[in-house]
Amino acid sequence: MNISSSAWEKLQGATLSLVRSGPLKDRLTHAYRHHLSQIDAAELPKELRDDFRILTDAMTRDPPLVRGDDAFRATIRKMSNDQAEEVATWVVRLLCATPRPVVAYRERTVQTAQIVPLYIAEPRAAEG
């Protein structure tokens, strides 16, 4: 099961975009524009590529009707809140089903494994 570190990080970024505050459609827009649209399905494990394509197709299914619009913007505009929740759930499930690359784990371990000395201050003598 091969996955590029970059693809996993983009899925993680998309998921983190979804847990921010604000309207769900705005969070989905950020997740798609900044993370999901940058993933090439070939970077994902074979068994997840179809799920990813279904997800991206669901987010770009409607043709643009307004000049300067794109399929994603048209789809989000027409999407109900229930549909937006379903798409957001797919993003999270896709991240959960994607194995975390060993490289990302090692990098995180090195960055967070710092030794911090703790000192105990001697109590002051009571002034009297």
Protein backbone atom coordinates (compact mmCIF):
# COMPACT_ATOMS: atom_id res chain seq x y z
CA MET A 1 0.00 0.00 0.00
CA ASN A 2 1.87 3.09 -1.22
CA ILE A 3 0.83 6.64 -0.49
CA SER A 4 2.87 9.74 -0.91
CA SER A 5 3.49 11.84 2.16
CA SER A 6 2.20 14.82 0.21
CA ALA A 7 -1.18 13.19 -0.52
CA TRP A 8 -1.65 12.18 3.11
CA GLU A 9 -0.78 15.70 4.27
CA LYS A 10 -3.31 17.17 1.82
CA LEU A 11 -6.03 14.83 3.10
CA GLN A 12 -5.12 15.79 6.65
CA GLY A 13 -5.20 19.49 5.69
CA ALA A 14 -8.63 19.05 4.12
CA THR A 15 -9.89 17.34 7.27
CA LEU A 16 -8.47 20.09 9.47
CA SER A 17 -10.18 22.67 7.24
CA LEU A 18 -13.49 20.98 7.97
CA VAL A 19 -13.15 21.28 11.75
CA ARG A 20 -12.62 25.05 11.72
CA SER A 21 -15.41 27.41 12.68
CA GLY A 22 -17.72 28.89 10.08
CA PRO A 23 -20.38 27.70 7.66
CA LEU A 24 -19.85 24.15 6.40
CA LYS A 25 -19.94 25.14 2.73
CA ASP A 26 -17.13 27.66 3.36
CA ARG A 27 -15.09 24.99 5.13
CA LEU A 28 -15.71 22.55 2.26
CA THR A 29 -14.62 25.23 -0.20
CA HIS A 30 -11.36 25.75 1.69
CA ALA A 31 -10.78 21.99 1.98
CA TYR A 32 -11.32 21.50 -1.75
CA ARG A 33 -9.49 24.56 -3.09
CA HIS A 34 -6.42 24.30 -0.86
CA HIS A 35 -6.07 20.56 -0.40
CA LEU A 36 -8.32 18.08 -2.23
CA SER A 37 -8.01 19.65 -5.69
CA GLN A 38 -4.23 19.29 -5.42
CA ILE A 39 -4.31 15.51 -4.92
CA ASP A 40 -3.68 13.24 -7.88
CA ALA A 41 -5.64 10.02 -7.39
CA ALA A 42 -2.54 8.08 -8.49
CA GLU A 43 -0.85 9.20 -5.24
CA LEU A 44 -3.39 7.24 -3.22
CA PRO A 45 -3.47 3.49 -2.55
CA LYS A 46 -5.27 1.64 -5.36
CA GLU A 47 -8.14 0.58 -3.11
CA LEU A 48 -8.96 4.23 -2.26
CA ARG A 49 -8.68 5.80 -5.71
CA ASP A 50 -12.28 5.07 -6.72
CA ASP A 51 -13.56 6.53 -3.43
CA PHE A 52 -11.49 9.66 -4.02
CA ARG A 53 -12.82 10.01 -7.56
CA ILE A 54 -16.40 9.59 -6.31
CA LEU A 55 -15.73 12.31 -3.73
CA THR A 56 -14.26 14.76 -6.22
CA ASP A 57 -17.01 13.99 -8.74
CA ALA A 58 -19.61 14.73 -6.04
CA MET A 59 -17.93 18.09 -5.43
CA THR A 60 -17.81 19.05 -9.12
CA ARG A 61 -20.93 17.45 -10.61
CA ASP A 62 -22.84 20.61 -11.60
CA PRO A 63 -21.85 22.59 -14.70
CA PRO A 64 -21.03 26.28 -14.24
CA LEU A 65 -23.92 28.56 -15.18
CA VAL A 66 -22.41 31.94 -14.41
CA ARG A 67 -19.49 33.52 -16.24
CA GLY A 68 -16.26 33.04 -14.26
CA ASP A 69 -17.80 30.17 -12.30
CA ASP A 70 -16.47 26.62 -12.20
CA ALA A 71 -18.05 23.23 -11.56
CA PHE A 72 -17.00 23.19 -7.91
CA ARG A 73 -18.52 26.59 -7.13
CA ALA A 74 -21.74 25.69 -8.97
CA THR A 75 -21.98 22.39 -7.07
CA ILE A 76 -21.38 23.95 -3.65
CA ARG A 77 -23.98 26.63 -4.35
CA LYS A 78 -26.64 24.01 -5.19
CA MET A 79 -25.65 21.61 -2.39
CA SER A 80 -28.05 21.19 0.53
CA ASN A 81 -26.74 21.21 4.10
CA ASP A 82 -27.33 17.45 4.31
CA GLN A 83 -25.33 16.90 1.13
CA ALA A 84 -22.53 19.12 2.44
CA GLU A 85 -22.42 17.07 5.67
CA GLU A 86 -22.27 13.86 3.65
CA VAL A 87 -19.36 15.15 1.53
CA ALA A 88 -17.51 16.34 4.64
CA THR A 89 -17.99 12.91 6.20
CA TRP A 90 -16.49 11.29 3.07
CA VAL A 91 -13.39 13.47 3.40
CA VAL A 92 -12.86 12.40 7.01
CA ARG A 93 -13.50 8.74 6.20
CA LEU A 94 -11.03 8.90 3.34
CA LEU A 95 -8.32 10.23 5.65
CA CYS A 96 -9.12 7.54 8.22
CA ALA A 97 -8.86 4.81 5.57
CA THR A 98 -5.57 6.14 4.24
CA PRO A 99 -2.47 4.69 5.89
CA ARG A 100 -0.21 7.30 7.37
CA PRO A 101 3.18 7.36 5.65
CA VAL A 102 6.09 6.33 7.84
CA VAL A 103 8.01 9.45 6.85
CA ALA A 104 5.32 11.77 8.22
CA TYR A 105 5.28 9.80 11.48
CA ARG A 106 9.05 9.96 11.89
CA GLU A 107 9.16 13.69 11.15
CA ARG A 108 6.47 14.37 13.72
CA THR A 109 8.17 12.19 16.33
CA VAL A 110 11.47 14.01 15.89
CA GLN A 111 9.81 17.40 16.11
CA THR A 112 7.79 16.66 19.24
CA ALA A 113 10.37 14.58 21.14
CA GLN A 114 12.20 17.42 22.86
CA ILE A 115 13.54 17.21 26.37
CA VAL A 116 12.67 20.18 28.49
CA PRO A 117 14.43 20.47 31.87
CA LEU A 118 12.21 21.29 34.80
CA TYR A 119 13.60 23.20 37.77
CA ILE A 120 12.09 23.41 41.19
CA ALA A 121 12.48 26.81 42.74
CA GLU A 122 13.62 26.88 46.34
CA PRO A 123 11.03 28.39 48.63
CA ARG A 124 11.86 31.86 49.97
CA ALA A 125 12.33 32.34 53.65
CA ALA A 126 9.40 34.10 55.29
CA GLU A 127 10.11 37.76 55.82
CA GLY A 128 9.25 38.88 59.18
